[in-house]
Amino acid sequence: MPSLSSINALQASVVQAERQVQRDQVRVNEDADRLEASRDQLAKDKQTLADNQRDSNQATQAAQKPLPTVNLPRAIENPPRSEQQLPPELAVPKPQINTLGQTIGKFINITA
């Protein structure tokens, strides 16, 4: 017949084993969460790498295109006035006409 001390020792061992199982289960869950986060980060890193490689390839291809040839004597000459043009950001805007035939600038000056 088993003694009371052996039953108590057995129960204590079972409780200790259950606690260990619970701790191990928590660790397994934490490891699974970390693994999932690592997989997500890996997918992001792969996408970033693919984007960087694509951009690098495009830059390389753009750099390999031949530059247009420049006619140096023509570039140094002053072209006639009819061929000269200011860049769009420096050009004076043309006045716009409203439905009454008034330029917007005159309309603003009169009503102000």
PDB file of N, CA and C in Angstrom:
ATOM      1  N   MET A   1       0.826  -1.160   0.000  1.00  0.00           N
ATOM      2  CA  MET A   1       0.000   0.000   0.000  1.00  0.00           C
ATOM      3  C   MET A   1       0.889   1.248   0.000  1.00  0.00           C
ATOM      4  N   PRO A   2       0.534   2.233  -0.860  1.00  0.00           N
ATOM      5  CA  PRO A   2       1.371   3.429  -0.919  1.00  0.00           C
ATOM      6  C   PRO A   2       1.206   4.273   0.335  1.00  0.00           C
ATOM      7  N   SER A   3       2.277   4.915   0.663  1.00  0.00           N
ATOM      8  CA  SER A   3       2.234   5.753   1.860  1.00  0.00           C
ATOM      9  C   SER A   3       1.793   7.169   1.494  1.00  0.00           C
ATOM     10  N   LEU A   4       1.397   7.903   2.503  1.00  0.00           N
ATOM     11  CA  LEU A   4       0.904   9.258   2.298  1.00  0.00           C
ATOM     12  C   LEU A   4       2.005  10.159   1.755  1.00  0.00           C
ATOM     13  N   SER A   5       3.212   9.973   2.200  1.00  0.00           N
ATOM     14  CA  SER A   5       4.320  10.810   1.726  1.00  0.00           C
ATOM     15  C   SER A   5       4.619  10.536   0.264  1.00  0.00           C
ATOM     16  N   SER A   6       4.499   9.294  -0.178  1.00  0.00           N
ATOM     17  CA  SER A   6       4.764   9.002  -1.583  1.00  0.00           C
ATOM     18  C   SER A   6       3.659   9.586  -2.470  1.00  0.00           C
ATOM     19  N   ILE A   7       2.414   9.595  -1.979  1.00  0.00           N
ATOM     20  CA  ILE A   7       1.316  10.196  -2.746  1.00  0.00           C
ATOM     21  C   ILE A   7       1.515  11.708  -2.822  1.00  0.00           C
ATOM     22  N   ASN A   8       1.908  12.328  -1.723  1.00  0.00           N
ATOM     23  CA  ASN A   8       2.164  13.778  -1.723  1.00  0.00           C
ATOM     24  C   ASN A   8       3.323  14.116  -2.663  1.00  0.00           C
ATOM     25  N   ALA A   9       4.347  13.311  -2.642  1.00  0.00           N
ATOM     26  CA  ALA A   9       5.489  13.547  -3.515  1.00  0.00           C
ATOM     27  C   ALA A   9       5.070  13.404  -4.971  1.00  0.00           C
ATOM     28  N   LEU A  10       4.241  12.420  -5.262  1.00  0.00           N
ATOM     29  CA  LEU A  10       3.749  12.199  -6.616  1.00  0.00           C
ATOM     30  C   LEU A  10       2.887  13.381  -7.069  1.00  0.00           C
ATOM     31  N   GLN A  11       2.016  13.864  -6.209  1.00  0.00           N
ATOM     32  CA  GLN A  11       1.180  15.020  -6.543  1.00  0.00           C
ATOM     33  C   GLN A  11       2.031  16.268  -6.777  1.00  0.00           C
ATOM     34  N   ALA A  12       3.038  16.453  -5.949  1.00  0.00           N
ATOM     35  CA  ALA A  12       3.938  17.598  -6.112  1.00  0.00           C
ATOM     36  C   ALA A  12       4.672  17.501  -7.442  1.00  0.00           C
ATOM     37  N   SER A  13       5.076  16.307  -7.818  1.00  0.00           N
ATOM     38  CA  SER A  13       5.752  16.115  -9.094  1.00  0.00           C
ATOM     39  C   SER A  13       4.819  16.420 -10.263  1.00  0.00           C
ATOM     40  N   VAL A  14       3.557  16.013 -10.145  1.00  0.00           N
ATOM     41  CA  VAL A  14       2.578  16.277 -11.206  1.00  0.00           C
ATOM     42  C   VAL A  14       2.333  17.775 -11.342  1.00  0.00           C
ATOM     43  N   VAL A  15       2.187  18.465 -10.228  1.00  0.00           N
ATOM     44  CA  VAL A  15       1.969  19.919 -10.249  1.00  0.00           C
ATOM     45  C   VAL A  15       3.171  20.614 -10.874  1.00  0.00           C
ATOM     46  N   GLN A  16       4.363  20.184 -10.488  1.00  0.00           N
ATOM     47  CA  GLN A  16       5.574  20.782 -11.035  1.00  0.00           C
ATOM     48  C   GLN A  16       5.649  20.528 -12.541  1.00  0.00           C
ATOM     49  N   ALA A  17       5.302  19.334 -12.968  1.00  0.00           N
ATOM     50  CA  ALA A  17       5.322  19.008 -14.395  1.00  0.00           C
ATOM     51  C   ALA A  17       4.300  19.844 -15.158  1.00  0.00           C
ATOM     52  N   GLU A  18       3.113  20.056 -14.586  1.00  0.00           N
ATOM     53  CA  GLU A  18       2.094  20.885 -15.234  1.00  0.00           C
ATOM     54  C   GLU A  18       2.572  22.326 -15.384  1.00  0.00           C
ATOM     55  N   ARG A  19       3.223  22.843 -14.347  1.00  0.00           N
ATOM     56  CA  ARG A  19       3.762  24.208 -14.428  1.00  0.00           C
ATOM     57  C   ARG A  19       4.824  24.315 -15.522  1.00  0.00           C
ATOM     58  N   GLN A  20       5.668  23.296 -15.596  1.00  0.00           N
ATOM     59  CA  GLN A  20       6.719  23.297 -16.612  1.00  0.00           C
ATOM     60  C   GLN A  20       6.092  23.255 -18.012  1.00  0.00           C
ATOM     61  N   VAL A  21       5.044  22.459 -18.177  1.00  0.00           N
ATOM     62  CA  VAL A  21       4.353  22.369 -19.464  1.00  0.00           C
ATOM     63  C   VAL A  21       3.758  23.732 -19.827  1.00  0.00           C
ATOM     64  N   GLN A  22       3.161  24.396 -18.849  1.00  0.00           N
ATOM     65  CA  GLN A  22       2.576  25.712 -19.101  1.00  0.00           C
ATOM     66  C   GLN A  22       3.645  26.734 -19.499  1.00  0.00           C
ATOM     67  N   ARG A  23       4.786  26.727 -18.795  1.00  0.00           N
ATOM     68  CA  ARG A  23       5.885  27.638 -19.136  1.00  0.00           C
ATOM     69  C   ARG A  23       6.401  27.348 -20.540  1.00  0.00           C
ATOM     70  N   ASP A  24       6.538  26.065 -20.849  1.00  0.00           N
ATOM     71  CA  ASP A  24       7.011  25.697 -22.183  1.00  0.00           C
ATOM     72  C   ASP A  24       6.008  26.109 -23.263  1.00  0.00           C
ATOM     73  N   GLN A  25       4.728  25.981 -22.958  1.00  0.00           N
ATOM     74  CA  GLN A  25       3.707  26.382 -23.932  1.00  0.00           C
ATOM     75  C   GLN A  25       3.761  27.885 -24.185  1.00  0.00           C
ATOM     76  N   VAL A  26       3.985  28.669 -23.126  1.00  0.00           N
ATOM     77  CA  VAL A  26       4.121  30.125 -23.283  1.00  0.00           C
ATOM     78  C   VAL A  26       5.325  30.434 -24.164  1.00  0.00           C
ATOM     79  N   ARG A  27       6.436  29.736 -23.921  1.00  0.00           N
ATOM     80  CA  ARG A  27       7.639  29.946 -24.742  1.00  0.00           C
ATOM     81  C   ARG A  27       7.381  29.586 -26.197  1.00  0.00           C
ATOM     82  N   VAL A  28       6.665  28.488 -26.417  1.00  0.00           N
ATOM     83  CA  VAL A  28       6.351  28.074 -27.787  1.00  0.00           C
ATOM     84  C   VAL A  28       5.506  29.148 -28.469  1.00  0.00           C
ATOM     85  N   ASN A  29       4.515  29.691 -27.770  1.00  0.00           N
ATOM     86  CA  ASN A  29       3.668  30.738 -28.346  1.00  0.00           C
ATOM     87  C   ASN A  29       4.476  32.001 -28.656  1.00  0.00           C
ATOM     88  N   GLU A  30       5.372  32.372 -27.746  1.00  0.00           N
ATOM     89  CA  GLU A  30       6.213  33.547 -27.975  1.00  0.00           C
ATOM     90  C   GLU A  30       7.129  33.323 -29.174  1.00  0.00           C
ATOM     91  N   ASP A  31       7.711  32.116 -29.255  1.00  0.00           N
ATOM     92  CA  ASP A  31       8.577  31.806 -30.396  1.00  0.00           C
ATOM     93  C   ASP A  31       7.797  31.829 -31.706  1.00  0.00           C
ATOM     94  N   ALA A  32       6.560  31.340 -31.679  1.00  0.00           N
ATOM     95  CA  ALA A  32       5.729  31.358 -32.885  1.00  0.00           C
ATOM     96  C   ALA A  32       5.435  32.798 -33.306  1.00  0.00           C
ATOM     97  N   ASP A  33       5.173  33.662 -32.339  1.00  0.00           N
ATOM     98  CA  ASP A  33       4.928  35.076 -32.648  1.00  0.00           C
ATOM     99  C   ASP A  33       6.172  35.729 -33.238  1.00  0.00           C
ATOM    100  N   ARG A  34       7.335  35.447 -32.639  1.00  0.00           N
ATOM    101  CA  ARG A  34       8.586  36.006 -33.164  1.00  0.00           C
ATOM    102  C   ARG A  34       8.873  35.479 -34.560  1.00  0.00           C
ATOM    103  N   LEU A  35       8.591  34.199 -34.786  1.00  0.00           N
ATOM    104  CA  LEU A  35       8.804  33.621 -36.113  1.00  0.00           C
ATOM    105  C   LEU A  35       7.915  34.300 -37.140  1.00  0.00           C
ATOM    106  N   GLU A  36       6.666  34.540 -36.812  1.00  0.00           N
ATOM    107  CA  GLU A  36       5.749  35.217 -37.730  1.00  0.00           C
ATOM    108  C   GLU A  36       6.219  36.642 -38.017  1.00  0.00           C
ATOM    109  N   ALA A  37       6.672  37.342 -36.978  1.00  0.00           N
ATOM    110  CA  ALA A  37       7.188  38.703 -37.168  1.00  0.00           C
ATOM    111  C   ALA A  37       8.438  38.676 -38.048  1.00  0.00           C
ATOM    112  N   SER A  38       9.288  37.676 -37.855  1.00  0.00           N
ATOM    113  CA  SER A  38      10.494  37.556 -38.676  1.00  0.00           C
ATOM    114  C   SER A  38      10.131  37.283 -40.132  1.00  0.00           C
ATOM    115  N   ARG A  39       9.123  36.469 -40.354  1.00  0.00           N
ATOM    116  CA  ARG A  39       8.685  36.182 -41.728  1.00  0.00           C
ATOM    117  C   ARG A  39       8.127  37.441 -42.387  1.00  0.00           C
ATOM    118  N   ASP A  40       7.353  38.208 -41.635  1.00  0.00           N
ATOM    119  CA  ASP A  40       6.816  39.468 -42.175  1.00  0.00           C
ATOM    120  C   ASP A  40       7.957  40.419 -42.539  1.00  0.00           C
ATOM    121  N   GLN A  41       8.931  40.533 -41.637  1.00  0.00           N
ATOM    122  CA  GLN A  41      10.069  41.412 -41.896  1.00  0.00           C
ATOM    123  C   GLN A  41      10.867  40.929 -43.098  1.00  0.00           C
ATOM    124  N   LEU A  42      11.023  39.629 -43.236  1.00  0.00           N
ATOM    125  CA  LEU A  42      11.735  39.068 -44.382  1.00  0.00           C
ATOM    126  C   LEU A  42      11.015  39.409 -45.677  1.00  0.00           C
ATOM    127  N   ALA A  43       9.696  39.308 -45.686  1.00  0.00           N
ATOM    128  CA  ALA A  43       8.927  39.646 -46.887  1.00  0.00           C
ATOM    129  C   ALA A  43       9.103  41.125 -47.236  1.00  0.00           C
ATOM    130  N   LYS A  44       9.081  42.002 -46.216  1.00  0.00           N
ATOM    131  CA  LYS A  44       9.284  43.431 -46.454  1.00  0.00           C
ATOM    132  C   LYS A  44      10.688  43.691 -47.003  1.00  0.00           C
ATOM    133  N   ASP A  45      11.670  43.026 -46.403  1.00  0.00           N
ATOM    134  CA  ASP A  45      13.053  43.202 -46.848  1.00  0.00           C
ATOM    135  C   ASP A  45      13.239  42.719 -48.283  1.00  0.00           C
ATOM    136  N   LYS A  46      12.600  41.603 -48.632  1.00  0.00           N
ATOM    137  CA  LYS A  46      12.694  41.097 -50.007  1.00  0.00           C
ATOM    138  C   LYS A  46      12.075  42.091 -50.979  1.00  0.00           C
ATOM    139  N   GLN A  47      10.949  42.683 -50.607  1.00  0.00           N
ATOM    140  CA  GLN A  47      10.292  43.668 -51.476  1.00  0.00           C
ATOM    141  C   GLN A  47      11.173  44.903 -51.635  1.00  0.00           C
ATOM    142  N   THR A  48      11.760  45.360 -50.536  1.00  0.00           N
ATOM    143  CA  THR A  48      12.656  46.511 -50.594  1.00  0.00           C
ATOM    144  C   THR A  48      13.859  46.210 -51.481  1.00  0.00           C
ATOM    145  N   LEU A  49      14.410  45.023 -51.344  1.00  0.00           N
ATOM    146  CA  LEU A  49      15.546  44.626 -52.174  1.00  0.00           C
ATOM    147  C   LEU A  49      15.157  44.603 -53.643  1.00  0.00           C
ATOM    148  N   ALA A  50      14.002  44.043 -53.954  1.00  0.00           N
ATOM    149  CA  ALA A  50      13.545  43.986 -55.344  1.00  0.00           C
ATOM    150  C   ALA A  50      13.345  45.399 -55.897  1.00  0.00           C
ATOM    151  N   ASP A  51      12.768  46.281 -55.094  1.00  0.00           N
ATOM    152  CA  ASP A  51      12.573  47.670 -55.532  1.00  0.00           C
ATOM    153  C   ASP A  51      13.913  48.358 -55.779  1.00  0.00           C
ATOM    154  N   ASN A  52      14.851  48.159 -54.867  1.00  0.00           N
ATOM    155  CA  ASN A  52      16.178  48.778 -55.020  1.00  0.00           C
ATOM    156  C   ASN A  52      16.895  48.238 -56.251  1.00  0.00           C
ATOM    157  N   GLN A  53      16.792  46.944 -56.491  1.00  0.00           N
ATOM    158  CA  GLN A  53      17.438  46.363 -57.666  1.00  0.00           C
ATOM    159  C   GLN A  53      16.810  46.900 -58.943  1.00  0.00           C
ATOM    160  N   ARG A  54      15.465  47.034 -58.949  1.00  0.00           N
ATOM    161  CA  ARG A  54      14.786  47.561 -60.129  1.00  0.00           C
ATOM    162  C   ARG A  54      15.222  49.001 -60.383  1.00  0.00           C
ATOM    163  N   ASP A  55      15.268  49.812 -59.321  1.00  0.00           N
ATOM    164  CA  ASP A  55      15.687  51.201 -59.468  1.00  0.00           C
ATOM    165  C   ASP A  55      17.136  51.288 -59.950  1.00  0.00           C
ATOM    166  N   SER A  56      17.979  50.418 -59.424  1.00  0.00           N
ATOM    167  CA  SER A  56      19.379  50.402 -59.827  1.00  0.00           C
ATOM    168  C   SER A  56      19.511  50.019 -61.295  1.00  0.00           C
ATOM    169  N   ASN A  57      18.748  49.030 -61.713  1.00  0.00           N
ATOM    170  CA  ASN A  57      18.795  48.610 -63.121  1.00  0.00           C
ATOM    171  C   ASN A  57      18.306  49.727 -64.031  1.00  0.00           C
ATOM    172  N   GLN A  58      17.258  50.429 -63.623  1.00  0.00           N
ATOM    173  CA  GLN A  58      16.750  51.536 -64.432  1.00  0.00           C
ATOM    174  C   GLN A  58      17.785  52.648 -64.515  1.00  0.00           C
ATOM    175  N   ALA A  59      18.454  52.933 -63.404  1.00  0.00           N
ATOM    176  CA  ALA A  59      19.476  53.976 -63.402  1.00  0.00           C
ATOM    177  C   ALA A  59      20.649  53.578 -64.291  1.00  0.00           C
ATOM    178  N   THR A  60      21.010  52.306 -64.234  1.00  0.00           N
ATOM    179  CA  THR A  60      22.112  51.820 -65.066  1.00  0.00           C
ATOM    180  C   THR A  60      21.751  51.920 -66.539  1.00  0.00           C
ATOM    181  N   GLN A  61      20.519  51.529 -66.868  1.00  0.00           N
ATOM    182  CA  GLN A  61      20.085  51.597 -68.262  1.00  0.00           C
ATOM    183  C   GLN A  61      20.022  53.048 -68.741  1.00  0.00           C
ATOM    184  N   ALA A  62      19.569  53.948 -67.867  1.00  0.00           N
ATOM    185  CA  ALA A  62      19.500  55.353 -68.247  1.00  0.00           C
ATOM    186  C   ALA A  62      20.900  55.924 -68.452  1.00  0.00           C
ATOM    187  N   ALA A  63      21.856  55.480 -67.648  1.00  0.00           N
ATOM    188  CA  ALA A  63      23.224  55.969 -67.768  1.00  0.00           C
ATOM    189  C   ALA A  63      23.892  55.432 -69.030  1.00  0.00           C
ATOM    190  N   GLN A  64      23.450  54.290 -69.513  1.00  0.00           N
ATOM    191  CA  GLN A  64      24.071  53.684 -70.690  1.00  0.00           C
ATOM    192  C   GLN A  64      23.529  54.254 -71.998  1.00  0.00           C
ATOM    193  N   LYS A  65      22.434  55.004 -71.951  1.00  0.00           N
ATOM    194  CA  LYS A  65      21.894  55.599 -73.162  1.00  0.00           C
ATOM    195  C   LYS A  65      22.865  56.661 -73.661  1.00  0.00           C
ATOM    196  N   PRO A  66      23.082  56.717 -74.962  1.00  0.00           N
ATOM    197  CA  PRO A  66      24.009  57.733 -75.473  1.00  0.00           C
ATOM    198  C   PRO A  66      23.399  59.132 -75.352  1.00  0.00           C
ATOM    199  N   LEU A  67      24.240  60.068 -75.026  1.00  0.00           N
ATOM    200  CA  LEU A  67      23.805  61.445 -74.905  1.00  0.00           C
ATOM    201  C   LEU A  67      23.641  62.040 -76.303  1.00  0.00           C
ATOM    202  N   PRO A  68      22.726  62.972 -76.475  1.00  0.00           N
ATOM    203  CA  PRO A  68      22.566  63.582 -77.793  1.00  0.00           C
ATOM    204  C   PRO A  68      23.822  64.376 -78.150  1.00  0.00           C
ATOM    205  N   THR A  69      24.144  64.353 -79.411  1.00  0.00           N
ATOM    206  CA  THR A  69      25.338  65.072 -79.847  1.00  0.00           C
ATOM    207  C   THR A  69      25.034  66.567 -79.884  1.00  0.00           C
ATOM    208  N   VAL A  70      26.035  67.336 -79.571  1.00  0.00           N
ATOM    209  CA  VAL A  70      25.894  68.784 -79.538  1.00  0.00           C
ATOM    210  C   VAL A  70      26.751  69.366 -80.647  1.00  0.00           C
ATOM    211  N   ASN A  71      26.156  70.238 -81.410  1.00  0.00           N
ATOM    212  CA  ASN A  71      26.896  70.936 -82.458  1.00  0.00           C
ATOM    213  C   ASN A  71      27.577  72.131 -81.795  1.00  0.00           C
ATOM    214  N   LEU A  72      28.857  71.979 -81.480  1.00  0.00           N
ATOM    215  CA  LEU A  72      29.559  73.004 -80.717  1.00  0.00           C
ATOM    216  C   LEU A  72      29.603  74.367 -81.411  1.00  0.00           C
ATOM    217  N   PRO A  73      29.908  74.442 -82.687  1.00  0.00           N
ATOM    218  CA  PRO A  73      29.911  75.777 -83.304  1.00  0.00           C
ATOM    219  C   PRO A  73      28.538  76.444 -83.229  1.00  0.00           C
ATOM    220  N   ARG A  74      27.494  75.677 -83.383  1.00  0.00           N
ATOM    221  CA  ARG A  74      26.139  76.227 -83.321  1.00  0.00           C
ATOM    222  C   ARG A  74      25.790  76.630 -81.874  1.00  0.00           C
ATOM    223  N   ALA A  75      26.280  75.879 -80.900  1.00  0.00           N
ATOM    224  CA  ALA A  75      25.991  76.188 -79.505  1.00  0.00           C
ATOM    225  C   ALA A  75      26.652  77.487 -79.078  1.00  0.00           C
ATOM    226  N   ILE A  76      27.782  77.809 -79.658  1.00  0.00           N
ATOM    227  CA  ILE A  76      28.503  79.018 -79.282  1.00  0.00           C
ATOM    228  C   ILE A  76      27.910  80.238 -79.969  1.00  0.00           C
ATOM    229  N   GLU A  77      27.379  80.081 -81.164  1.00  0.00           N
ATOM    230  CA  GLU A  77      26.805  81.206 -81.904  1.00  0.00           C
ATOM    231  C   GLU A  77      25.558  81.729 -81.208  1.00  0.00           C
ATOM    232  N   ASN A  78      25.241  82.985 -81.473  1.00  0.00           N
ATOM    233  CA  ASN A  78      23.988  83.555 -81.000  1.00  0.00           C
ATOM    234  C   ASN A  78      22.942  83.306 -82.081  1.00  0.00           C
ATOM    235  N   PRO A  79      21.921  82.537 -81.779  1.00  0.00           N
ATOM    236  CA  PRO A  79      20.896  82.311 -82.791  1.00  0.00           C
ATOM    237  C   PRO A  79      20.105  83.601 -83.037  1.00  0.00           C
ATOM    238  N   PRO A  80      19.452  83.696 -84.183  1.00  0.00           N
ATOM    239  CA  PRO A  80      18.650  84.894 -84.436  1.00  0.00           C
ATOM    240  C   PRO A  80      17.533  85.020 -83.414  1.00  0.00           C
ATOM    241  N   ARG A  81      17.021  86.255 -83.268  1.00  0.00           N
ATOM    242  CA  ARG A  81      15.983  86.544 -82.276  1.00  0.00           C
ATOM    243  C   ARG A  81      14.766  85.644 -82.446  1.00  0.00           C
ATOM    244  N   SER A  82      14.427  85.320 -83.670  1.00  0.00           N
ATOM    245  CA  SER A  82      13.242  84.500 -83.912  1.00  0.00           C
ATOM    246  C   SER A  82      13.402  83.086 -83.353  1.00  0.00           C
ATOM    247  N   GLU A  83      14.644  82.627 -83.184  1.00  0.00           N
ATOM    248  CA  GLU A  83      14.895  81.287 -82.664  1.00  0.00           C
ATOM    249  C   GLU A  83      15.149  81.280 -81.152  1.00  0.00           C
ATOM    250  N   GLN A  84      15.339  82.449 -80.567  1.00  0.00           N
ATOM    251  CA  GLN A  84      15.615  82.509 -79.134  1.00  0.00           C
ATOM    252  C   GLN A  84      14.308  82.410 -78.348  1.00  0.00           C
ATOM    253  N   GLN A  85      14.348  81.638 -77.294  1.00  0.00           N
ATOM    254  CA  GLN A  85      13.181  81.496 -76.436  1.00  0.00           C
ATOM    255  C   GLN A  85      13.631  81.448 -74.983  1.00  0.00           C
ATOM    256  N   LEU A  86      12.835  82.089 -74.146  1.00  0.00           N
ATOM    257  CA  LEU A  86      13.099  82.015 -72.710  1.00  0.00           C
ATOM    258  C   LEU A  86      12.523  80.714 -72.166  1.00  0.00           C
ATOM    259  N   PRO A  87      13.100  80.208 -71.109  1.00  0.00           N
ATOM    260  CA  PRO A  87      12.487  79.049 -70.455  1.00  0.00           C
ATOM    261  C   PRO A  87      11.095  79.441 -69.971  1.00  0.00           C
ATOM    262  N   PRO A  88      10.167  78.487 -69.929  1.00  0.00           N
ATOM    263  CA  PRO A  88       8.786  78.812 -69.551  1.00  0.00           C
ATOM    264  C   PRO A  88       8.663  79.489 -68.193  1.00  0.00           C
ATOM    265  N   GLU A  89       9.520  79.146 -67.240  1.00  0.00           N
ATOM    266  CA  GLU A  89       9.399  79.756 -65.915  1.00  0.00           C
ATOM    267  C   GLU A  89       9.850  81.221 -65.904  1.00  0.00           C
ATOM    268  N   LEU A  90      10.613  81.654 -66.926  1.00  0.00           N
ATOM    269  CA  LEU A  90      11.063  83.040 -66.990  1.00  0.00           C
ATOM    270  C   LEU A  90      10.213  83.890 -67.930  1.00  0.00           C
ATOM    271  N   ALA A  91       9.423  83.260 -68.753  1.00  0.00           N
ATOM    272  CA  ALA A  91       8.617  83.994 -69.727  1.00  0.00           C
ATOM    273  C   ALA A  91       7.503  84.765 -69.019  1.00  0.00           C
ATOM    274  N   VAL A  92       7.201  85.949 -69.529  1.00  0.00           N
ATOM    275  CA  VAL A  92       6.125  86.772 -68.980  1.00  0.00           C
ATOM    276  C   VAL A  92       4.805  86.142 -69.418  1.00  0.00           C
ATOM    277  N   PRO A  93       3.881  85.914 -68.492  1.00  0.00           N
ATOM    278  CA  PRO A  93       2.622  85.283 -68.892  1.00  0.00           C
ATOM    279  C   PRO A  93       1.817  86.206 -69.795  1.00  0.00           C
ATOM    280  N   LYS A  94       1.167  85.627 -70.782  1.00  0.00           N
ATOM    281  CA  LYS A  94       0.340  86.406 -71.687  1.00  0.00           C
ATOM    282  C   LYS A  94      -0.942  86.786 -70.959  1.00  0.00           C
ATOM    283  N   PRO A  95      -1.438  87.997 -71.180  1.00  0.00           N
ATOM    284  CA  PRO A  95      -2.678  88.379 -70.507  1.00  0.00           C
ATOM    285  C   PRO A  95      -3.845  87.554 -71.034  1.00  0.00           C
ATOM    286  N   GLN A  96      -4.748  87.222 -70.138  1.00  0.00           N
ATOM    287  CA  GLN A  96      -5.914  86.439 -70.535  1.00  0.00           C
ATOM    288  C   GLN A  96      -7.116  87.366 -70.628  1.00  0.00           C
ATOM    289  N   ILE A  97      -7.972  87.096 -71.572  1.00  0.00           N
ATOM    290  CA  ILE A  97      -9.155  87.924 -71.810  1.00  0.00           C
ATOM    291  C   ILE A  97     -10.361  87.228 -71.206  1.00  0.00           C
ATOM    292  N   ASN A  98     -11.179  87.979 -70.457  1.00  0.00           N
ATOM    293  CA  ASN A  98     -12.400  87.389 -69.921  1.00  0.00           C
ATOM    294  C   ASN A  98     -13.522  87.537 -70.937  1.00  0.00           C
ATOM    295  N   THR A  99     -14.728  87.155 -70.573  1.00  0.00           N
ATOM    296  CA  THR A  99     -15.839  87.157 -71.524  1.00  0.00           C
ATOM    297  C   THR A  99     -16.231  88.562 -71.962  1.00  0.00           C
ATOM    298  N   LEU A 100     -15.886  89.579 -71.200  1.00  0.00           N
ATOM    299  CA  LEU A 100     -16.208  90.952 -71.583  1.00  0.00           C
ATOM    300  C   LEU A 100     -15.112  91.579 -72.429  1.00  0.00           C
ATOM    301  N   GLY A 101     -14.076  90.815 -72.710  1.00  0.00           N
ATOM    302  CA  GLY A 101     -12.992  91.345 -73.522  1.00  0.00           C
ATOM    303  C   GLY A 101     -11.997  92.154 -72.719  1.00  0.00           C
ATOM    304  N   GLN A 102     -12.085  92.099 -71.419  1.00  0.00           N
ATOM    305  CA  GLN A 102     -11.160  92.840 -70.573  1.00  0.00           C
ATOM    306  C   GLN A 102     -10.048  91.902 -70.122  1.00  0.00           C
ATOM    307  N   THR A 103      -8.859  92.446 -70.049  1.00  0.00           N
ATOM    308  CA  THR A 103      -7.792  91.624 -69.493  1.00  0.00           C
ATOM    309  C   THR A 103      -8.000  91.543 -67.993  1.00  0.00           C
ATOM    310  N   ILE A 104      -7.601  90.447 -67.434  1.00  0.00           N
ATOM    311  CA  ILE A 104      -7.813  90.220 -66.004  1.00  0.00           C
ATOM    312  C   ILE A 104      -7.095  91.275 -65.174  1.00  0.00           C
ATOM    313  N   GLY A 105      -5.903  91.641 -65.597  1.00  0.00           N
ATOM    314  CA  GLY A 105      -5.146  92.649 -64.860  1.00  0.00           C
ATOM    315  C   GLY A 105      -5.863  93.982 -64.811  1.00  0.00           C
ATOM    316  N   LYS A 106      -6.425  94.431 -65.918  1.00  0.00           N
ATOM    317  CA  LYS A 106      -7.157  95.697 -65.943  1.00  0.00           C
ATOM    318  C   LYS A 106      -8.396  95.608 -65.080  1.00  0.00           C
ATOM    319  N   PHE A 107      -9.087  94.476 -65.130  1.00  0.00           N
ATOM    320  CA  PHE A 107     -10.300  94.292 -64.347  1.00  0.00           C
ATOM    321  C   PHE A 107      -9.995  94.387 -62.857  1.00  0.00           C
ATOM    322  N   ILE A 108      -8.902  93.779 -62.445  1.00  0.00           N
ATOM    323  CA  ILE A 108      -8.525  93.807 -61.032  1.00  0.00           C
ATOM    324  C   ILE A 108      -8.171  95.239 -60.622  1.00  0.00           C
ATOM    325  N   ASN A 109      -7.423  95.952 -61.459  1.00  0.00           N
ATOM    326  CA  ASN A 109      -7.022  97.317 -61.122  1.00  0.00           C
ATOM    327  C   ASN A 109      -8.219  98.239 -61.044  1.00  0.00           C
ATOM    328  N   ILE A 110      -9.218  98.059 -61.886  1.00  0.00           N
ATOM    329  CA  ILE A 110     -10.371  98.947 -61.899  1.00  0.00           C
ATOM    330  C   ILE A 110     -11.250  98.715 -60.678  1.00  0.00           C
ATOM    331  N   THR A 111     -11.470  97.452 -60.337  1.00  0.00           N
ATOM    332  CA  THR A 111     -12.375  97.154 -59.244  1.00  0.00           C
ATOM    333  C   THR A 111     -11.725  97.295 -57.880  1.00  0.00           C
ATOM    334  N   ALA A 112     -10.437  97.338 -57.809  1.00  0.00           N
ATOM    335  CA  ALA A 112      -9.774  97.402 -56.510  1.00  0.00           C
ATOM    336  C   ALA A 112      -9.745  98.772 -55.932  1.00  0.00           C
TER     337      ALA A 112
END
